[in-house]
PDB file of N, CA and C in Angstrom:
ATOM      1  N   UNK A   1      13.905  38.425  39.210  1.00  0.00           N
ATOM      2  CA  UNK A   1      14.288  37.452  38.204  1.00  0.00           C
ATOM      3  C   UNK A   1      13.501  36.147  38.371  1.00  0.00           C
ATOM      4  N   UNK A   2      13.406  35.680  39.604  1.00  0.00           N
ATOM      5  CA  UNK A   2      12.661  34.447  39.854  1.00  0.00           C
ATOM      6  C   UNK A   2      11.179  34.631  39.560  1.00  0.00           C
ATOM      7  N   UNK A   3      10.653  35.828  39.869  1.00  0.00           N
ATOM      8  CA  UNK A   3       9.241  36.095  39.602  1.00  0.00           C
ATOM      9  C   UNK A   3       8.957  36.094  38.096  1.00  0.00           C
ATOM     10  N   UNK A   4       9.843  36.667  37.332  1.00  0.00           N
ATOM     11  CA  UNK A   4       9.658  36.702  35.883  1.00  0.00           C
ATOM     12  C   UNK A   4       9.699  35.288  35.310  1.00  0.00           C
ATOM     13  N   UNK A   5      10.607  34.472  35.808  1.00  0.00           N
ATOM     14  CA  UNK A   5      10.675  33.075  35.354  1.00  0.00           C
ATOM     15  C   UNK A   5       9.397  32.331  35.694  1.00  0.00           C
ATOM     16  N   UNK A   6       8.851  32.576  36.874  1.00  0.00           N
ATOM     17  CA  UNK A   6       7.614  31.923  37.297  1.00  0.00           C
ATOM     18  C   UNK A   6       6.441  32.372  36.431  1.00  0.00           C
ATOM     19  N   UNK A   7       6.343  33.662  36.176  1.00  0.00           N
ATOM     20  CA  UNK A   7       5.268  34.185  35.335  1.00  0.00           C
ATOM     21  C   UNK A   7       5.386  33.628  33.924  1.00  0.00           C
ATOM     22  N   UNK A   8       6.598  33.584  33.388  1.00  0.00           N
ATOM     23  CA  UNK A   8       6.826  33.030  32.066  1.00  0.00           C
ATOM     24  C   UNK A   8       6.395  31.569  31.999  1.00  0.00           C
ATOM     25  N   UNK A   9       6.737  30.790  33.006  1.00  0.00           N
ATOM     26  CA  UNK A   9       6.360  29.377  33.041  1.00  0.00           C
ATOM     27  C   UNK A   9       4.840  29.218  33.122  1.00  0.00           C
ATOM     28  N   UNK A  10       4.180  30.038  33.920  1.00  0.00           N
ATOM     29  CA  UNK A  10       2.720  29.977  34.033  1.00  0.00           C
ATOM     30  C   UNK A  10       2.049  30.358  32.714  1.00  0.00           C
ATOM     31  N   UNK A  11       2.561  31.382  32.071  1.00  0.00           N
ATOM     32  CA  UNK A  11       1.994  31.798  30.780  1.00  0.00           C
ATOM     33  C   UNK A  11       2.180  30.710  29.737  1.00  0.00           C
ATOM     34  N   UNK A  12       3.327  30.064  29.719  1.00  0.00           N
ATOM     35  CA  UNK A  12       3.569  28.996  28.750  1.00  0.00           C
ATOM     36  C   UNK A  12       2.660  27.800  29.031  1.00  0.00           C
ATOM     37  N   UNK A  13       2.485  27.452  30.292  1.00  0.00           N
ATOM     38  CA  UNK A  13       1.598  26.339  30.645  1.00  0.00           C
ATOM     39  C   UNK A  13       0.167  26.632  30.195  1.00  0.00           C
ATOM     40  N   UNK A  14      -0.286  27.850  30.403  1.00  0.00           N
ATOM     41  CA  UNK A  14      -1.626  28.240  29.976  1.00  0.00           C
ATOM     42  C   UNK A  14      -1.746  28.172  28.453  1.00  0.00           C
ATOM     43  N   UNK A  15      -0.744  28.682  27.772  1.00  0.00           N
ATOM     44  CA  UNK A  15      -0.744  28.676  26.312  1.00  0.00           C
ATOM     45  C   UNK A  15      -0.819  27.260  25.767  1.00  0.00           C
ATOM     46  N   UNK A  16      -0.049  26.362  26.328  1.00  0.00           N
ATOM     47  CA  UNK A  16      -0.042  24.968  25.869  1.00  0.00           C
ATOM     48  C   UNK A  16      -1.411  24.329  26.077  1.00  0.00           C
ATOM     49  N   UNK A  17      -2.094  24.698  27.151  1.00  0.00           N
ATOM     50  CA  UNK A  17      -3.418  24.145  27.423  1.00  0.00           C
ATOM     51  C   UNK A  17      -4.488  24.715  26.490  1.00  0.00           C
ATOM     52  N   UNK A  18      -4.351  25.980  26.105  1.00  0.00           N
ATOM     53  CA  UNK A  18      -5.407  26.661  25.369  1.00  0.00           C
ATOM     54  C   UNK A  18      -5.205  26.681  23.851  1.00  0.00           C
ATOM     55  N   UNK A  19      -3.974  26.611  23.406  1.00  0.00           N
ATOM     56  CA  UNK A  19      -3.680  26.784  21.985  1.00  0.00           C
ATOM     57  C   UNK A  19      -2.982  25.542  21.448  1.00  0.00           C
ATOM     58  N   UNK A  20      -3.363  25.151  20.248  1.00  0.00           N
ATOM     59  CA  UNK A  20      -2.641  24.085  19.553  1.00  0.00           C
ATOM     60  C   UNK A  20      -2.447  24.531  18.107  1.00  0.00           C
ATOM     61  N   UNK A  21      -1.481  23.956  17.466  1.00  0.00           N
ATOM     62  CA  UNK A  21      -1.234  24.282  16.064  1.00  0.00           C
ATOM     63  C   UNK A  21      -2.486  23.974  15.242  1.00  0.00           C
ATOM     64  N   UNK A  22      -3.130  22.860  15.546  1.00  0.00           N
ATOM     65  CA  UNK A  22      -4.335  22.464  14.815  1.00  0.00           C
ATOM     66  C   UNK A  22      -5.451  23.491  14.967  1.00  0.00           C
ATOM     67  N   UNK A  23      -5.647  24.020  16.183  1.00  0.00           N
ATOM     68  CA  UNK A  23      -6.688  25.020  16.409  1.00  0.00           C
ATOM     69  C   UNK A  23      -6.387  26.304  15.651  1.00  0.00           C
ATOM     70  N   UNK A  24      -5.129  26.695  15.643  1.00  0.00           N
ATOM     71  CA  UNK A  24      -4.741  27.913  14.933  1.00  0.00           C
ATOM     72  C   UNK A  24      -4.982  27.741  13.434  1.00  0.00           C
ATOM     73  N   UNK A  25      -4.549  26.632  12.879  1.00  0.00           N
ATOM     74  CA  UNK A  25      -4.730  26.378  11.447  1.00  0.00           C
ATOM     75  C   UNK A  25      -6.220  26.338  11.102  1.00  0.00           C
ATOM     76  N   UNK A  26      -7.022  25.692  11.924  1.00  0.00           N
ATOM     77  CA  UNK A  26      -8.470  25.640  11.682  1.00  0.00           C
ATOM     78  C   UNK A  26      -9.074  27.041  11.713  1.00  0.00           C
ATOM     79  N   UNK A  27      -8.607  27.859  12.627  1.00  0.00           N
ATOM     80  CA  UNK A  27      -9.096  29.236  12.720  1.00  0.00           C
ATOM     81  C   UNK A  27      -8.737  30.030  11.466  1.00  0.00           C
ATOM     82  N   UNK A  28      -7.498  29.923  11.028  1.00  0.00           N
ATOM     83  CA  UNK A  28      -7.053  30.664   9.843  1.00  0.00           C
ATOM     84  C   UNK A  28      -7.804  30.199   8.604  1.00  0.00           C
ATOM     85  N   UNK A  29      -8.098  28.914   8.507  1.00  0.00           N
ATOM     86  CA  UNK A  29      -8.818  28.393   7.341  1.00  0.00           C
ATOM     87  C   UNK A  29     -10.195  29.018   7.199  1.00  0.00           C
ATOM     88  N   UNK A  30     -10.766  29.524   8.294  1.00  0.00           N
ATOM     89  CA  UNK A  30     -12.099  30.128   8.243  1.00  0.00           C
ATOM     90  C   UNK A  30     -12.109  31.457   7.506  1.00  0.00           C
ATOM     91  N   UNK A  31     -10.965  32.155   7.466  1.00  0.00           N
ATOM     92  CA  UNK A  31     -10.979  33.479   6.860  1.00  0.00           C
ATOM     93  C   UNK A  31      -9.864  33.732   5.843  1.00  0.00           C
ATOM     94  N   UNK A  32      -8.971  32.765   5.646  1.00  0.00           N
ATOM     95  CA  UNK A  32      -7.848  32.995   4.755  1.00  0.00           C
ATOM     96  C   UNK A  32      -7.407  31.696   4.090  1.00  0.00           C
ATOM     97  N   UNK A  33      -6.639  31.840   3.050  1.00  0.00           N
ATOM     98  CA  UNK A  33      -6.033  30.679   2.415  1.00  0.00           C
ATOM     99  C   UNK A  33      -4.528  30.750   2.644  1.00  0.00           C
ATOM    100  N   UNK A  34      -3.884  29.599   2.575  1.00  0.00           N
ATOM    101  CA  UNK A  34      -2.442  29.560   2.747  1.00  0.00           C
ATOM    102  C   UNK A  34      -1.909  28.276   2.145  1.00  0.00           C
ATOM    103  N   UNK A  35      -0.627  28.263   1.914  1.00  0.00           N
ATOM    104  CA  UNK A  35       0.045  27.093   1.361  1.00  0.00           C
ATOM    105  C   UNK A  35       0.541  26.226   2.515  1.00  0.00           C
ATOM    106  N   UNK A  36      -0.094  25.085   2.700  1.00  0.00           N
ATOM    107  CA  UNK A  36       0.287  24.213   3.810  1.00  0.00           C
ATOM    108  C   UNK A  36       1.734  23.749   3.694  1.00  0.00           C
ATOM    109  N   UNK A  37       2.213  23.569   2.481  1.00  0.00           N
ATOM    110  CA  UNK A  37       3.583  23.094   2.313  1.00  0.00           C
ATOM    111  C   UNK A  37       4.617  24.171   2.625  1.00  0.00           C
ATOM    112  N   UNK A  38       4.205  25.445   2.564  1.00  0.00           N
ATOM    113  CA  UNK A  38       5.158  26.531   2.798  1.00  0.00           C
ATOM    114  C   UNK A  38       4.927  27.290   4.094  1.00  0.00           C
ATOM    115  N   UNK A  39       3.692  27.356   4.553  1.00  0.00           N
ATOM    116  CA  UNK A  39       3.360  28.236   5.673  1.00  0.00           C
ATOM    117  C   UNK A  39       2.929  27.534   6.955  1.00  0.00           C
ATOM    118  N   UNK A  40       2.734  26.241   6.927  1.00  0.00           N
ATOM    119  CA  UNK A  40       2.223  25.537   8.093  1.00  0.00           C
ATOM    120  C   UNK A  40       3.141  25.752   9.300  1.00  0.00           C
ATOM    121  N   UNK A  41       2.604  26.220  10.424  1.00  0.00           N
ATOM    122  CA  UNK A  41       3.440  26.478  11.597  1.00  0.00           C
ATOM    123  C   UNK A  41       4.028  25.183  12.160  1.00  0.00           C
ATOM    124  N   UNK A  42       5.210  25.291  12.744  1.00  0.00           N
ATOM    125  CA  UNK A  42       5.909  24.115  13.253  1.00  0.00           C
ATOM    126  C   UNK A  42       5.934  24.024  14.774  1.00  0.00           C
ATOM    127  N   UNK A  43       5.614  25.119  15.472  1.00  0.00           N
ATOM    128  CA  UNK A  43       5.498  25.080  16.931  1.00  0.00           C
ATOM    129  C   UNK A  43       4.489  26.142  17.359  1.00  0.00           C
ATOM    130  N   UNK A  44       4.220  26.235  18.662  1.00  0.00           N
ATOM    131  CA  UNK A  44       3.194  27.166  19.135  1.00  0.00           C
ATOM    132  C   UNK A  44       3.546  28.624  18.860  1.00  0.00           C
ATOM    133  N   UNK A  45       4.795  28.974  19.062  1.00  0.00           N
ATOM    134  CA  UNK A  45       5.200  30.358  18.804  1.00  0.00           C
ATOM    135  C   UNK A  45       5.003  30.703  17.325  1.00  0.00           C
ATOM    136  N   UNK A  46       5.419  29.806  16.453  1.00  0.00           N
ATOM    137  CA  UNK A  46       5.240  30.019  15.020  1.00  0.00           C
ATOM    138  C   UNK A  46       3.759  30.075  14.669  1.00  0.00           C
ATOM    139  N   UNK A  47       2.946  29.276  15.340  1.00  0.00           N
ATOM    140  CA  UNK A  47       1.502  29.278  15.096  1.00  0.00           C
ATOM    141  C   UNK A  47       0.886  30.623  15.469  1.00  0.00           C
ATOM    142  N   UNK A  48       1.316  31.197  16.573  1.00  0.00           N
ATOM    143  CA  UNK A  48       0.778  32.495  16.982  1.00  0.00           C
ATOM    144  C   UNK A  48       1.195  33.594  16.011  1.00  0.00           C
ATOM    145  N   UNK A  49       2.437  33.568  15.564  1.00  0.00           N
ATOM    146  CA  UNK A  49       2.912  34.545  14.582  1.00  0.00           C
ATOM    147  C   UNK A  49       2.163  34.362  13.256  1.00  0.00           C
ATOM    148  N   UNK A  50       1.959  33.113  12.853  1.00  0.00           N
ATOM    149  CA  UNK A  50       1.207  32.782  11.643  1.00  0.00           C
ATOM    150  C   UNK A  50      -0.196  33.374  11.723  1.00  0.00           C
ATOM    151  N   UNK A  51      -0.881  33.174  12.848  1.00  0.00           N
ATOM    152  CA  UNK A  51      -2.238  33.680  13.030  1.00  0.00           C
ATOM    153  C   UNK A  51      -2.258  35.203  12.969  1.00  0.00           C
ATOM    154  N   UNK A  52      -1.344  35.849  13.668  1.00  0.00           N
ATOM    155  CA  UNK A  52      -1.287  37.313  13.681  1.00  0.00           C
ATOM    156  C   UNK A  52      -1.053  37.843  12.269  1.00  0.00           C
ATOM    157  N   UNK A  53      -0.116  37.248  11.552  1.00  0.00           N
ATOM    158  CA  UNK A  53       0.164  37.699  10.186  1.00  0.00           C
ATOM    159  C   UNK A  53      -1.049  37.543   9.282  1.00  0.00           C
ATOM    160  N   UNK A  54      -1.748  36.427   9.392  1.00  0.00           N
ATOM    161  CA  UNK A  54      -2.926  36.207   8.552  1.00  0.00           C
ATOM    162  C   UNK A  54      -4.050  37.173   8.906  1.00  0.00           C
ATOM    163  N   UNK A  55      -4.247  37.443  10.181  1.00  0.00           N
ATOM    164  CA  UNK A  55      -5.277  38.398  10.601  1.00  0.00           C
ATOM    165  C   UNK A  55      -4.946  39.788  10.068  1.00  0.00           C
ATOM    166  N   UNK A  56      -3.698  40.213  10.222  1.00  0.00           N
ATOM    167  CA  UNK A  56      -3.311  41.535   9.740  1.00  0.00           C
ATOM    168  C   UNK A  56      -3.416  41.641   8.219  1.00  0.00           C
ATOM    169  N   UNK A  57      -3.033  40.587   7.514  1.00  0.00           N
ATOM    170  CA  UNK A  57      -3.156  40.587   6.058  1.00  0.00           C
ATOM    171  C   UNK A  57      -4.616  40.691   5.640  1.00  0.00           C
ATOM    172  N   UNK A  58      -5.475  39.933   6.314  1.00  0.00           N
ATOM    173  CA  UNK A  58      -6.897  39.960   6.000  1.00  0.00           C
ATOM    174  C   UNK A  58      -7.505  41.333   6.316  1.00  0.00           C
ATOM    175  N   UNK A  59      -7.132  41.905   7.444  1.00  0.00           N
ATOM    176  CA  UNK A  59      -7.629  43.236   7.804  1.00  0.00           C
ATOM    177  C   UNK A  59      -7.164  44.285   6.799  1.00  0.00           C
ATOM    178  N   UNK A  60      -5.920  44.187   6.413  1.00  0.00           N
ATOM    179  CA  UNK A  60      -5.373  45.134   5.439  1.00  0.00           C
ATOM    180  C   UNK A  60      -6.094  45.019   4.115  1.00  0.00           C
ATOM    181  N   UNK A  61      -6.330  43.804   3.670  1.00  0.00           N
ATOM    182  CA  UNK A  61      -7.029  43.566   2.413  1.00  0.00           C
ATOM    183  C   UNK A  61      -8.464  44.089   2.492  1.00  0.00           C
ATOM    184  N   UNK A  62      -9.134  43.875   3.609  1.00  0.00           N
ATOM    185  CA  UNK A  62     -10.530  44.291   3.745  1.00  0.00           C
ATOM    186  C   UNK A  62     -10.677  45.802   3.918  1.00  0.00           C
ATOM    187  N   UNK A  63      -9.730  46.448   4.563  1.00  0.00           N
ATOM    188  CA  UNK A  63      -9.843  47.901   4.753  1.00  0.00           C
ATOM    189  C   UNK A  63      -9.361  48.662   3.529  1.00  0.00           C
ATOM    190  N   UNK A  64      -8.519  48.042   2.694  1.00  0.00           N
ATOM    191  CA  UNK A  64      -8.034  48.724   1.485  1.00  0.00           C
ATOM    192  C   UNK A  64      -9.163  48.940   0.481  1.00  0.00           C
ATOM    193  N   UNK A  65     -10.137  48.042   0.488  1.00  0.00           N
ATOM    194  CA  UNK A  65     -11.237  48.142  -0.458  1.00  0.00           C
ATOM    195  C   UNK A  65     -12.353  49.065  -0.007  1.00  0.00           C
ATOM    196  N   UNK A  66     -12.280  49.570   1.209  1.00  0.00           N
ATOM    197  CA  UNK A  66     -13.360  50.413   1.745  1.00  0.00           C
ATOM    198  C   UNK A  66     -12.971  51.856   1.830  1.00  0.00           C
TER     199      UNK A  66
END
């Protein structure tokens, strides 16, 4: 239990250092459009889910045409 808590804390610290909402939004803007008033992520977890959803949507759209 203590080891899992430690690993979780280390992963979160790394994530906070490497990822920001601004970086995620800038990345998504390179390949997709979105409504900032409706879809803008509000925290890091939401930003990661936002990025994953946009990537999957873009992949689905691109593979459907091929």
